[in-house]
Amino acid sequence: MAEYYLVPKSLARAFPALARAAKWFEAQLLRSCFWLLERLSPERASAVTSAVFRILGPHSNKAKAVRRNLRVIYPEHTEQEINAIGKNIFSYFGVAAAELIKMRQIWEERDQRIEFDLSAAAQSHLDRGQATVFVTAHVGAWQLTNLISLHQGLIITTVYAAESNPALQRMFLQLRDAFGVKLLPSEAGVRPLMKELADGNSIGLAVDTRLDSGEPIPFFGVDALTNITAARLALRSKAALIPIRAERTTPGCFRISVYDPIEADATISDNNQRAIAMTAEVNQHFEKWIKETPEQWMCLKRRWPKSESS
């Protein structure tokens, strides 16, 4: 997550007193915003945050990364078209913020708001109570994928990126408690995840972001350093690797889709190569989701090498 939201990182690091003041002010401001949004319906809260982020987002330091990523997906688009999609991305980032704040209400009103669509193979696997590695991308209402835990009665550990501001970290953890999952910071590593899988539980990972130490795997036809941890964990633990997606159907309503497990290629003997092949198949799912709703892909960090997205 961002280190600072309201001041440039370079300025905050140059003046430690300013950094401390910025963190305190950000926490107070967001706490007040959360309090106000919690008193609105999910639809109204989403409309408010969408409008605010649409105005502010294109002027943030994330806008450059968004445009770079979109140029890879749409090399034929004009700069005006790229900027238009970028504005919509920030707008939907605001919607995602409101969904996190209103998650508990969304779940409480699930009969009217959420449709679960599990493939026959996925349902059969989950009914057997076997360990699962759920993978998703930051597309659509991705945070709602965690609700499969409550829907199916599963024990799931979800990896999240921790906030550098302790006050914000506490606030976001309280909001994420509505997911119904155990939360594990990304810096905890893979050992706790292996233990969960060994105990027959499940884990959830969003694996569409770039890793400096990842494997080069095609994404929209261009090699991108890619996280293959999910596939490796599935192979090591003999857990199923299952893509899961949350879509917005109408304002305040959602569809959570669980896809067929991705099988390891038995003709590949090397486990690392198997993991790469499985991750390439995961990427194909992500490409389809992003192409369907490019304005709902939260690509706020550079995904490809600078030489490919300049």
C-alpha atoms as a PDB file:
ATOM      1  CA  MET A   1       0.000   0.000   0.000  1.00  0.00           C
ATOM      2  CA  ALA A   2       1.017   3.632  -0.331  1.00  0.00           C
ATOM      3  CA  GLU A   3       3.471   5.037   2.195  1.00  0.00           C
ATOM      4  CA  TYR A   4       1.880   8.483   2.074  1.00  0.00           C
ATOM      5  CA  TYR A   5      -1.363   9.587   0.418  1.00  0.00           C
ATOM      6  CA  LEU A   6      -1.347  13.369   0.775  1.00  0.00           C
ATOM      7  CA  VAL A   7       2.317  14.413   0.409  1.00  0.00           C
ATOM      8  CA  PRO A   8       5.028  13.377  -2.089  1.00  0.00           C
ATOM      9  CA  LYS A   9       7.163  10.526  -0.799  1.00  0.00           C
ATOM     10  CA  SER A  10      10.418  12.396  -1.507  1.00  0.00           C
ATOM     11  CA  LEU A  11       9.274  15.426   0.483  1.00  0.00           C
ATOM     12  CA  ALA A  12       8.117  13.341   3.421  1.00  0.00           C
ATOM     13  CA  ARG A  13      11.418  11.478   3.563  1.00  0.00           C
ATOM     14  CA  ALA A  14      13.413  14.701   3.410  1.00  0.00           C
ATOM     15  CA  PHE A  15      11.514  16.166   6.379  1.00  0.00           C
ATOM     16  CA  PRO A  16      10.787  13.520   9.074  1.00  0.00           C
ATOM     17  CA  ALA A  17       8.621  15.923  11.098  1.00  0.00           C
ATOM     18  CA  LEU A  18       6.459  16.508   8.027  1.00  0.00           C
ATOM     19  CA  ALA A  19       6.210  12.744   7.521  1.00  0.00           C
ATOM     20  CA  ARG A  20       4.945  12.206  11.079  1.00  0.00           C
ATOM     21  CA  ALA A  21       2.450  15.043  10.735  1.00  0.00           C
ATOM     22  CA  ALA A  22       1.270  13.718   7.374  1.00  0.00           C
ATOM     23  CA  LYS A  23       0.650  10.244   8.768  1.00  0.00           C
ATOM     24  CA  TRP A  24      -1.314  11.635  11.705  1.00  0.00           C
ATOM     25  CA  PHE A  25      -3.378  13.929   9.481  1.00  0.00           C
ATOM     26  CA  GLU A  26      -4.055  11.166   6.926  1.00  0.00           C
ATOM     27  CA  ALA A  27      -5.298   8.845   9.675  1.00  0.00           C
ATOM     28  CA  GLN A  28      -7.641  11.491  11.112  1.00  0.00           C
ATOM     29  CA  LEU A  29      -8.946  12.473   7.694  1.00  0.00           C
ATOM     30  CA  LEU A  30      -9.616   8.909   6.587  1.00  0.00           C
ATOM     31  CA  ARG A  31     -11.215   8.015   9.911  1.00  0.00           C
ATOM     32  CA  SER A  32     -13.660  10.882   9.429  1.00  0.00           C
ATOM     33  CA  CYS A  33     -14.327   9.865   5.815  1.00  0.00           C
ATOM     34  CA  PHE A  34     -14.920   6.253   6.839  1.00  0.00           C
ATOM     35  CA  TRP A  35     -17.343   7.377   9.551  1.00  0.00           C
ATOM     36  CA  LEU A  36     -19.365   9.376   7.053  1.00  0.00           C
ATOM     37  CA  LEU A  37     -19.355   6.674   4.364  1.00  0.00           C
ATOM     38  CA  GLU A  38     -20.453   4.004   6.813  1.00  0.00           C
ATOM     39  CA  ARG A  39     -23.683   5.935   7.242  1.00  0.00           C
ATOM     40  CA  LEU A  40     -24.517   5.775   3.541  1.00  0.00           C
ATOM     41  CA  SER A  41     -25.889   2.869   1.543  1.00  0.00           C
ATOM     42  CA  PRO A  42     -23.322   0.915  -0.498  1.00  0.00           C
ATOM     43  CA  GLU A  43     -24.680   2.553  -3.654  1.00  0.00           C
ATOM     44  CA  ARG A  44     -24.380   6.106  -2.309  1.00  0.00           C
ATOM     45  CA  ALA A  45     -20.993   5.468  -0.719  1.00  0.00           C
ATOM     46  CA  SER A  46     -19.674   4.119  -4.027  1.00  0.00           C
ATOM     47  CA  ALA A  47     -21.027   7.116  -5.935  1.00  0.00           C
ATOM     48  CA  VAL A  48     -19.311   9.540  -3.560  1.00  0.00           C
ATOM     49  CA  THR A  49     -15.907   7.854  -3.526  1.00  0.00           C
ATOM     50  CA  SER A  50     -16.066   7.257  -7.280  1.00  0.00           C
ATOM     51  CA  ALA A  51     -16.539  10.969  -7.946  1.00  0.00           C
ATOM     52  CA  VAL A  52     -13.750  12.000  -5.557  1.00  0.00           C
ATOM     53  CA  PHE A  53     -11.185   9.509  -6.862  1.00  0.00           C
ATOM     54  CA  ARG A  54     -12.066  10.341 -10.477  1.00  0.00           C
ATOM     55  CA  ILE A  55     -11.124  13.964  -9.826  1.00  0.00           C
ATOM     56  CA  LEU A  56      -8.026  13.397  -7.700  1.00  0.00           C
ATOM     57  CA  GLY A  57      -6.612  10.162  -9.140  1.00  0.00           C
ATOM     58  CA  PRO A  58      -5.377  11.435 -12.524  1.00  0.00           C
ATOM     59  CA  HIS A  59      -3.262  14.033 -10.687  1.00  0.00           C
ATOM     60  CA  SER A  60      -1.663  11.494  -8.327  1.00  0.00           C
ATOM     61  CA  ASN A  61       1.736   9.852  -8.708  1.00  0.00           C
ATOM     62  CA  LYS A  62      -0.045   6.622  -9.707  1.00  0.00           C
ATOM     63  CA  ALA A  63      -1.438   8.034 -12.956  1.00  0.00           C
ATOM     64  CA  LYS A  64       1.815   7.524 -14.861  1.00  0.00           C
ATOM     65  CA  ALA A  65       1.923   3.801 -14.036  1.00  0.00           C
ATOM     66  CA  VAL A  66      -1.723   3.407 -15.067  1.00  0.00           C
ATOM     67  CA  ARG A  67      -1.071   4.981 -18.470  1.00  0.00           C
ATOM     68  CA  ARG A  68       2.029   2.842 -19.005  1.00  0.00           C
ATOM     69  CA  ASN A  69       0.126  -0.355 -18.299  1.00  0.00           C
ATOM     70  CA  LEU A  70      -2.764   0.608 -20.562  1.00  0.00           C
ATOM     71  CA  ARG A  71      -0.415   1.336 -23.461  1.00  0.00           C
ATOM     72  CA  VAL A  72       0.747  -2.285 -23.383  1.00  0.00           C
ATOM     73  CA  ILE A  73      -2.822  -3.607 -23.472  1.00  0.00           C
ATOM     74  CA  TYR A  74      -3.991  -1.073 -26.060  1.00  0.00           C
ATOM     75  CA  PRO A  75      -1.014  -0.062 -28.227  1.00  0.00           C
ATOM     76  CA  GLU A  76      -3.441   1.126 -30.904  1.00  0.00           C
ATOM     77  CA  HIS A  77      -5.240   3.576 -28.587  1.00  0.00           C
ATOM     78  CA  THR A  78      -4.665   7.318 -28.737  1.00  0.00           C
ATOM     79  CA  GLU A  79      -3.391   9.194 -25.690  1.00  0.00           C
ATOM     80  CA  GLN A  80      -6.882  10.635 -25.257  1.00  0.00           C
ATOM     81  CA  GLU A  81      -8.405   7.146 -25.144  1.00  0.00           C
ATOM     82  CA  ILE A  82      -5.754   5.963 -22.676  1.00  0.00           C
ATOM     83  CA  ASN A  83      -6.424   8.950 -20.410  1.00  0.00           C
ATOM     84  CA  ALA A  84     -10.178   8.301 -20.533  1.00  0.00           C
ATOM     85  CA  ILE A  85      -9.736   4.691 -19.380  1.00  0.00           C
ATOM     86  CA  GLY A  86      -7.294   5.886 -16.737  1.00  0.00           C
ATOM     87  CA  LYS A  87      -9.875   8.272 -15.280  1.00  0.00           C
ATOM     88  CA  ASN A  88     -12.355   5.437 -15.065  1.00  0.00           C
ATOM     89  CA  ILE A  89      -9.771   3.249 -13.309  1.00  0.00           C
ATOM     90  CA  PHE A  90      -9.403   5.823 -10.546  1.00  0.00           C
ATOM     91  CA  SER A  91     -13.170   6.148 -10.396  1.00  0.00           C
ATOM     92  CA  TYR A  92     -13.514   2.402  -9.796  1.00  0.00           C
ATOM     93  CA  PHE A  93     -10.684   2.506  -7.264  1.00  0.00           C
ATOM     94  CA  GLY A  94     -12.973   4.818  -5.309  1.00  0.00           C
ATOM     95  CA  VAL A  95     -15.774   2.275  -5.683  1.00  0.00           C
ATOM     96  CA  ALA A  96     -13.471  -0.431  -4.313  1.00  0.00           C
ATOM     97  CA  ALA A  97     -12.705   1.757  -1.295  1.00  0.00           C
ATOM     98  CA  ALA A  98     -16.424   2.129  -0.580  1.00  0.00           C
ATOM     99  CA  GLU A  99     -16.953  -1.621  -0.967  1.00  0.00           C
ATOM    100  CA  LEU A 100     -14.325  -2.280   1.675  1.00  0.00           C
ATOM    101  CA  ILE A 101     -15.984   0.163   4.063  1.00  0.00           C
ATOM    102  CA  LYS A 102     -19.441  -1.326   3.395  1.00  0.00           C
ATOM    103  CA  MET A 103     -18.349  -4.975   3.234  1.00  0.00           C
ATOM    104  CA  ARG A 104     -20.124  -6.042   6.389  1.00  0.00           C
ATOM    105  CA  GLN A 105     -23.438  -4.623   5.187  1.00  0.00           C
ATOM    106  CA  ILE A 106     -22.952  -6.170   1.744  1.00  0.00           C
ATOM    107  CA  TRP A 107     -22.539  -9.585   3.354  1.00  0.00           C
ATOM    108  CA  GLU A 108     -25.468  -9.098   5.716  1.00  0.00           C
ATOM    109  CA  GLU A 109     -27.639  -8.268   2.693  1.00  0.00           C
ATOM    110  CA  ARG A 110     -26.106 -11.027   0.564  1.00  0.00           C
ATOM    111  CA  ASP A 111     -29.420 -12.522  -0.528  1.00  0.00           C
ATOM    112  CA  GLN A 112     -30.182  -9.303  -2.395  1.00  0.00           C
ATOM    113  CA  ARG A 113     -26.638  -8.319  -3.322  1.00  0.00           C
ATOM    114  CA  ILE A 114     -24.440 -11.366  -4.055  1.00  0.00           C
ATOM    115  CA  GLU A 115     -24.738 -14.200  -6.566  1.00  0.00           C
ATOM    116  CA  PHE A 116     -22.319 -17.103  -6.236  1.00  0.00           C
ATOM    117  CA  ASP A 117     -21.498 -19.017  -9.433  1.00  0.00           C
ATOM    118  CA  LEU A 118     -19.290 -22.074  -8.852  1.00  0.00           C
ATOM    119  CA  SER A 119     -18.287 -24.414 -11.655  1.00  0.00           C
ATOM    120  CA  ALA A 120     -19.276 -28.049 -11.132  1.00  0.00           C
ATOM    121  CA  ALA A 121     -15.617 -29.047 -10.741  1.00  0.00           C
ATOM    122  CA  ALA A 122     -14.928 -26.293  -8.223  1.00  0.00           C
ATOM    123  CA  GLN A 123     -18.044 -27.111  -6.196  1.00  0.00           C
ATOM    124  CA  SER A 124     -17.123 -30.797  -6.130  1.00  0.00           C
ATOM    125  CA  HIS A 125     -13.620 -29.995  -4.914  1.00  0.00           C
ATOM    126  CA  LEU A 126     -14.846 -27.620  -2.162  1.00  0.00           C
ATOM    127  CA  ASP A 127     -17.493 -30.110  -1.044  1.00  0.00           C
ATOM    128  CA  ARG A 128     -14.694 -32.600  -0.356  1.00  0.00           C
ATOM    129  CA  GLY A 129     -13.110 -30.132   2.058  1.00  0.00           C
ATOM    130  CA  GLN A 130      -9.681 -30.265   0.454  1.00  0.00           C
ATOM    131  CA  ALA A 131      -7.066 -27.529   0.551  1.00  0.00           C
ATOM    132  CA  THR A 132      -7.327 -24.816  -2.095  1.00  0.00           C
ATOM    133  CA  VAL A 133      -5.102 -22.034  -3.385  1.00  0.00           C
ATOM    134  CA  PHE A 134      -7.516 -19.338  -4.583  1.00  0.00           C
ATOM    135  CA  VAL A 135      -6.013 -16.840  -7.029  1.00  0.00           C
ATOM    136  CA  THR A 136      -7.489 -13.590  -8.234  1.00  0.00           C
ATOM    137  CA  ALA A 137      -6.502 -10.293  -9.827  1.00  0.00           C
ATOM    138  CA  HIS A 138      -7.198  -6.725  -8.800  1.00  0.00           C
ATOM    139  CA  VAL A 139     -10.104  -6.567 -11.240  1.00  0.00           C
ATOM    140  CA  GLY A 140     -13.684  -5.542 -10.460  1.00  0.00           C
ATOM    141  CA  ALA A 141     -14.777  -6.049  -6.853  1.00  0.00           C
ATOM    142  CA  TRP A 142     -11.780  -8.321  -6.138  1.00  0.00           C
ATOM    143  CA  GLN A 143     -11.994  -7.859  -2.361  1.00  0.00           C
ATOM    144  CA  LEU A 144     -15.350  -9.664  -2.310  1.00  0.00           C
ATOM    145  CA  THR A 145     -13.689 -12.901  -3.444  1.00  0.00           C
ATOM    146  CA  ASN A 146     -12.819 -13.395   0.233  1.00  0.00           C
ATOM    147  CA  LEU A 147     -16.514 -13.909   0.974  1.00  0.00           C
ATOM    148  CA  ILE A 148     -16.284 -17.408  -0.534  1.00  0.00           C
ATOM    149  CA  SER A 149     -14.963 -18.320   2.930  1.00  0.00           C
ATOM    150  CA  LEU A 150     -18.239 -17.405   4.625  1.00  0.00           C
ATOM    151  CA  HIS A 151     -20.386 -18.769   1.804  1.00  0.00           C
ATOM    152  CA  GLN A 152     -18.722 -22.206   1.790  1.00  0.00           C
ATOM    153  CA  GLY A 153     -17.697 -22.423   5.441  1.00  0.00           C
ATOM    154  CA  LEU A 154     -13.995 -22.514   4.576  1.00  0.00           C
ATOM    155  CA  ILE A 155     -10.938 -21.588   6.611  1.00  0.00           C
ATOM    156  CA  ILE A 156      -8.974 -19.263   4.339  1.00  0.00           C
ATOM    157  CA  THR A 157      -5.851 -17.220   4.973  1.00  0.00           C
ATOM    158  CA  THR A 158      -5.583 -14.200   2.684  1.00  0.00           C
ATOM    159  CA  VAL A 159      -2.339 -12.361   2.050  1.00  0.00           C
ATOM    160  CA  TYR A 160      -2.533  -8.565   2.165  1.00  0.00           C
ATOM    161  CA  ALA A 161      -0.142  -5.630   1.771  1.00  0.00           C
ATOM    162  CA  ALA A 162       0.312  -3.887   5.103  1.00  0.00           C
ATOM    163  CA  GLU A 163       0.020  -0.123   5.554  1.00  0.00           C
ATOM    164  CA  SER A 164       3.145   1.736   6.662  1.00  0.00           C
ATOM    165  CA  ASN A 165       1.026   4.029   8.828  1.00  0.00           C
ATOM    166  CA  PRO A 166       0.168   2.047  12.019  1.00  0.00           C
ATOM    167  CA  ALA A 167      -3.057   3.996  12.595  1.00  0.00           C
ATOM    168  CA  LEU A 168      -4.255   3.273   9.052  1.00  0.00           C
ATOM    169  CA  GLN A 169      -3.155  -0.332   9.416  1.00  0.00           C
ATOM    170  CA  ARG A 170      -5.433  -0.813  12.419  1.00  0.00           C
ATOM    171  CA  MET A 171      -8.334   0.816  10.595  1.00  0.00           C
ATOM    172  CA  PHE A 172      -7.941  -1.320   7.476  1.00  0.00           C
ATOM    173  CA  LEU A 173      -7.587  -4.514   9.492  1.00  0.00           C
ATOM    174  CA  GLN A 174     -10.866  -3.725  11.251  1.00  0.00           C
ATOM    175  CA  LEU A 175     -12.561  -3.270   7.870  1.00  0.00           C
ATOM    176  CA  ARG A 176     -11.035  -6.464   6.450  1.00  0.00           C
ATOM    177  CA  ASP A 177     -12.348  -8.410   9.410  1.00  0.00           C
ATOM    178  CA  ALA A 178     -15.643  -8.472   7.479  1.00  0.00           C
ATOM    179  CA  PHE A 179     -14.007 -10.794   4.914  1.00  0.00           C
ATOM    180  CA  GLY A 180     -14.373 -13.767   7.244  1.00  0.00           C
ATOM    181  CA  VAL A 181     -10.803 -14.910   6.603  1.00  0.00           C
ATOM    182  CA  LYS A 182      -7.523 -14.974   8.480  1.00  0.00           C
ATOM    183  CA  LEU A 183      -5.219 -12.171   7.335  1.00  0.00           C
ATOM    184  CA  LEU A 184      -1.490 -12.554   6.764  1.00  0.00           C
ATOM    185  CA  PRO A 185       0.849  -9.666   5.815  1.00  0.00           C
ATOM    186  CA  SER A 186       2.803 -10.287   2.628  1.00  0.00           C
ATOM    187  CA  GLU A 187       6.156  -9.958   4.410  1.00  0.00           C
ATOM    188  CA  ALA A 188       5.355 -13.062   6.523  1.00  0.00           C
ATOM    189  CA  GLY A 189       6.569 -15.283   3.686  1.00  0.00           C
ATOM    190  CA  VAL A 190       5.363 -18.674   2.487  1.00  0.00           C
ATOM    191  CA  ARG A 191       5.888 -20.835   5.584  1.00  0.00           C
ATOM    192  CA  PRO A 192       2.600 -19.862   7.281  1.00  0.00           C
ATOM    193  CA  LEU A 193       0.817 -20.502   3.972  1.00  0.00           C
ATOM    194  CA  MET A 194       2.355 -23.963   3.648  1.00  0.00           C
ATOM    195  CA  LYS A 195       1.238 -24.761   7.184  1.00  0.00           C
ATOM    196  CA  GLU A 196      -2.333 -23.716   6.416  1.00  0.00           C
ATOM    197  CA  LEU A 197      -2.402 -25.924   3.321  1.00  0.00           C
ATOM    198  CA  ALA A 198      -0.814 -28.829   5.211  1.00  0.00           C
ATOM    199  CA  ASP A 199      -3.621 -28.511   7.774  1.00  0.00           C
ATOM    200  CA  GLY A 200      -6.173 -28.860   4.986  1.00  0.00           C
ATOM    201  CA  ASN A 201      -7.124 -25.174   4.980  1.00  0.00           C
ATOM    202  CA  SER A 202      -7.050 -22.763   2.050  1.00  0.00           C
ATOM    203  CA  ILE A 203      -5.229 -19.570   1.092  1.00  0.00           C
ATOM    204  CA  GLY A 204      -6.082 -16.590  -1.091  1.00  0.00           C
ATOM    205  CA  LEU A 205      -3.644 -14.609  -3.229  1.00  0.00           C
ATOM    206  CA  ALA A 206      -3.929 -11.743  -5.711  1.00  0.00           C
ATOM    207  CA  VAL A 207      -1.146 -12.473  -8.194  1.00  0.00           C
ATOM    208  CA  ASP A 208      -1.460  -9.958 -11.022  1.00  0.00           C
ATOM    209  CA  THR A 209       1.172  -7.539  -9.708  1.00  0.00           C
ATOM    210  CA  ARG A 210       4.847  -7.407 -10.674  1.00  0.00           C
ATOM    211  CA  LEU A 211       7.610  -8.995  -8.601  1.00  0.00           C
ATOM    212  CA  ASP A 212      11.225  -7.988  -9.097  1.00  0.00           C
ATOM    213  CA  SER A 213      12.186 -11.644  -8.571  1.00  0.00           C
ATOM    214  CA  GLY A 214       9.336 -13.201 -10.559  1.00  0.00           C
ATOM    215  CA  GLU A 215       9.449 -15.380 -13.654  1.00  0.00           C
ATOM    216  CA  PRO A 216       9.097 -13.848 -17.146  1.00  0.00           C
ATOM    217  CA  ILE A 217       5.685 -15.057 -18.336  1.00  0.00           C
ATOM    218  CA  PRO A 218       3.640 -13.584 -21.217  1.00  0.00           C
ATOM    219  CA  PHE A 219       0.908 -11.201 -20.125  1.00  0.00           C
ATOM    220  CA  PHE A 220      -1.019  -9.643 -22.998  1.00  0.00           C
ATOM    221  CA  GLY A 221       1.674 -11.006 -25.298  1.00  0.00           C
ATOM    222  CA  VAL A 222       4.548  -9.288 -23.481  1.00  0.00           C
ATOM    223  CA  ASP A 223       6.867 -11.017 -21.006  1.00  0.00           C
ATOM    224  CA  ALA A 224       6.316  -9.695 -17.487  1.00  0.00           C
ATOM    225  CA  LEU A 225       7.951 -10.735 -14.233  1.00  0.00           C
ATOM    226  CA  THR A 226       5.225 -12.799 -12.610  1.00  0.00           C
ATOM    227  CA  ASN A 227       4.561 -14.266  -9.194  1.00  0.00           C
ATOM    228  CA  ILE A 228       4.413 -18.077  -9.451  1.00  0.00           C
ATOM    229  CA  THR A 229       4.165 -18.654  -5.684  1.00  0.00           C
ATOM    230  CA  ALA A 230       0.513 -19.706  -5.864  1.00  0.00           C
ATOM    231  CA  ALA A 231       1.220 -22.498  -8.355  1.00  0.00           C
ATOM    232  CA  ARG A 232       4.305 -23.608  -6.444  1.00  0.00           C
ATOM    233  CA  LEU A 233       2.345 -23.836  -3.207  1.00  0.00           C
ATOM    234  CA  ALA A 234      -0.416 -25.803  -4.917  1.00  0.00           C
ATOM    235  CA  LEU A 235       2.091 -28.279  -6.365  1.00  0.00           C
ATOM    236  CA  ARG A 236       4.015 -28.717  -3.103  1.00  0.00           C
ATOM    237  CA  SER A 237       0.873 -29.244  -1.014  1.00  0.00           C
ATOM    238  CA  LYS A 238      -1.207 -31.049  -3.665  1.00  0.00           C
ATOM    239  CA  ALA A 239      -3.863 -28.366  -3.198  1.00  0.00           C
ATOM    240  CA  ALA A 240      -6.118 -27.253  -6.027  1.00  0.00           C
ATOM    241  CA  LEU A 241      -5.234 -24.003  -7.809  1.00  0.00           C
ATOM    242  CA  ILE A 242      -8.550 -22.245  -8.471  1.00  0.00           C
ATOM    243  CA  PRO A 243      -9.163 -18.818 -10.047  1.00  0.00           C
ATOM    244  CA  ILE A 244     -11.904 -16.739  -8.424  1.00  0.00           C
ATOM    245  CA  ARG A 245     -13.436 -13.484  -9.630  1.00  0.00           C
ATOM    246  CA  ALA A 246     -15.846 -10.904  -8.203  1.00  0.00           C
ATOM    247  CA  GLU A 247     -17.782  -8.765 -10.704  1.00  0.00           C
ATOM    248  CA  ARG A 248     -20.065  -5.782 -10.262  1.00  0.00           C
ATOM    249  CA  THR A 249     -23.378  -6.585 -11.926  1.00  0.00           C
ATOM    250  CA  THR A 250     -25.346  -3.466 -10.930  1.00  0.00           C
ATOM    251  CA  PRO A 251     -24.511  -0.774  -8.342  1.00  0.00           C
ATOM    252  CA  GLY A 252     -24.164  -2.510  -4.996  1.00  0.00           C
ATOM    253  CA  CYS A 253     -24.675  -6.011  -6.455  1.00  0.00           C
ATOM    254  CA  PHE A 254     -22.076  -8.632  -7.345  1.00  0.00           C
ATOM    255  CA  ARG A 255     -21.340 -12.004  -8.873  1.00  0.00           C
ATOM    256  CA  ILE A 256     -18.578 -14.170  -7.377  1.00  0.00           C
ATOM    257  CA  SER A 257     -17.419 -16.811  -9.869  1.00  0.00           C
ATOM    258  CA  VAL A 258     -15.260 -19.805  -8.963  1.00  0.00           C
ATOM    259  CA  TYR A 259     -13.625 -21.524 -11.924  1.00  0.00           C
ATOM    260  CA  ASP A 260     -12.394 -25.033 -12.671  1.00  0.00           C
ATOM    261  CA  PRO A 261      -9.148 -26.003 -10.927  1.00  0.00           C
ATOM    262  CA  ILE A 262      -6.034 -25.484 -13.045  1.00  0.00           C
ATOM    263  CA  GLU A 263      -4.346 -28.845 -13.532  1.00  0.00           C
ATOM    264  CA  ALA A 264      -0.599 -29.446 -13.663  1.00  0.00           C
ATOM    265  CA  ASP A 265       0.725 -30.647 -17.008  1.00  0.00           C
ATOM    266  CA  ALA A 266       1.733 -34.272 -16.427  1.00  0.00           C
ATOM    267  CA  THR A 267       4.103 -34.146 -19.422  1.00  0.00           C
ATOM    268  CA  ILE A 268       6.299 -31.562 -17.644  1.00  0.00           C
ATOM    269  CA  SER A 269       8.656 -33.244 -15.177  1.00  0.00           C
ATOM    270  CA  ASP A 270      10.234 -30.138 -13.621  1.00  0.00           C
ATOM    271  CA  ASN A 271       8.030 -28.653 -10.889  1.00  0.00           C
ATOM    272  CA  ASN A 272       9.230 -25.098 -11.521  1.00  0.00           C
ATOM    273  CA  GLN A 273       8.288 -25.392 -15.185  1.00  0.00           C
ATOM    274  CA  ARG A 274       4.949 -26.869 -14.166  1.00  0.00           C
ATOM    275  CA  ALA A 275       4.344 -23.855 -11.928  1.00  0.00           C
ATOM    276  CA  ILE A 276       5.234 -21.509 -14.784  1.00  0.00           C
ATOM    277  CA  ALA A 277       2.815 -23.298 -17.134  1.00  0.00           C
ATOM    278  CA  MET A 278       0.022 -23.176 -14.537  1.00  0.00           C
ATOM    279  CA  THR A 279       0.657 -19.483 -13.899  1.00  0.00           C
ATOM    280  CA  ALA A 280       0.539 -18.791 -17.631  1.00  0.00           C
ATOM    281  CA  GLU A 281      -2.957 -20.336 -17.614  1.00  0.00           C
ATOM    282  CA  VAL A 282      -3.906 -18.125 -14.663  1.00  0.00           C
ATOM    283  CA  ASN A 283      -2.710 -15.119 -16.679  1.00  0.00           C
ATOM    284  CA  GLN A 284      -5.059 -16.114 -19.489  1.00  0.00           C
ATOM    285  CA  HIS A 285      -7.980 -15.843 -17.068  1.00  0.00           C
ATOM    286  CA  PHE A 286      -6.758 -12.432 -15.929  1.00  0.00           C
ATOM    287  CA  GLU A 287      -6.335 -11.204 -19.505  1.00  0.00           C
ATOM    288  CA  LYS A 288      -9.939 -12.125 -20.272  1.00  0.00           C
ATOM    289  CA  TRP A 289     -11.260 -10.371 -17.151  1.00  0.00           C
ATOM    290  CA  ILE A 290      -9.224  -7.229 -17.829  1.00  0.00           C
ATOM    291  CA  LYS A 291     -10.205  -7.065 -21.500  1.00  0.00           C
ATOM    292  CA  GLU A 292     -13.868  -7.292 -20.485  1.00  0.00           C
ATOM    293  CA  THR A 293     -13.572  -4.431 -17.974  1.00  0.00           C
ATOM    294  CA  PRO A 294     -10.236  -2.589 -18.476  1.00  0.00           C
ATOM    295  CA  GLU A 295     -11.543   0.365 -16.488  1.00  0.00           C
ATOM    296  CA  GLN A 296     -11.879  -1.923 -13.446  1.00  0.00           C
ATOM    297  CA  TRP A 297      -8.288  -3.182 -13.376  1.00  0.00           C
ATOM    298  CA  MET A 298      -6.494  -1.536 -10.463  1.00  0.00           C
ATOM    299  CA  CYS A 299      -3.132  -1.340 -12.270  1.00  0.00           C
ATOM    300  CA  LEU A 300      -1.664   1.388 -10.071  1.00  0.00           C
ATOM    301  CA  LYS A 301       1.873  -0.005 -10.223  1.00  0.00           C
ATOM    302  CA  ARG A 302       4.055  -0.681 -13.256  1.00  0.00           C
ATOM    303  CA  ARG A 303       3.346  -4.204 -14.523  1.00  0.00           C
ATOM    304  CA  TRP A 304       5.792  -4.515 -17.438  1.00  0.00           C
ATOM    305  CA  PRO A 305       9.413  -3.417 -17.993  1.00  0.00           C
ATOM    306  CA  LYS A 306       9.702   0.312 -18.690  1.00  0.00           C
ATOM    307  CA  SER A 307      10.998  -0.437 -22.181  1.00  0.00           C
ATOM    308  CA  GLU A 308       7.652  -2.105 -23.008  1.00  0.00           C
ATOM    309  CA  SER A 309       5.334   0.501 -21.519  1.00  0.00           C
ATOM    310  CA  SER A 310       6.986   3.864 -22.136  1.00  0.00           C
END
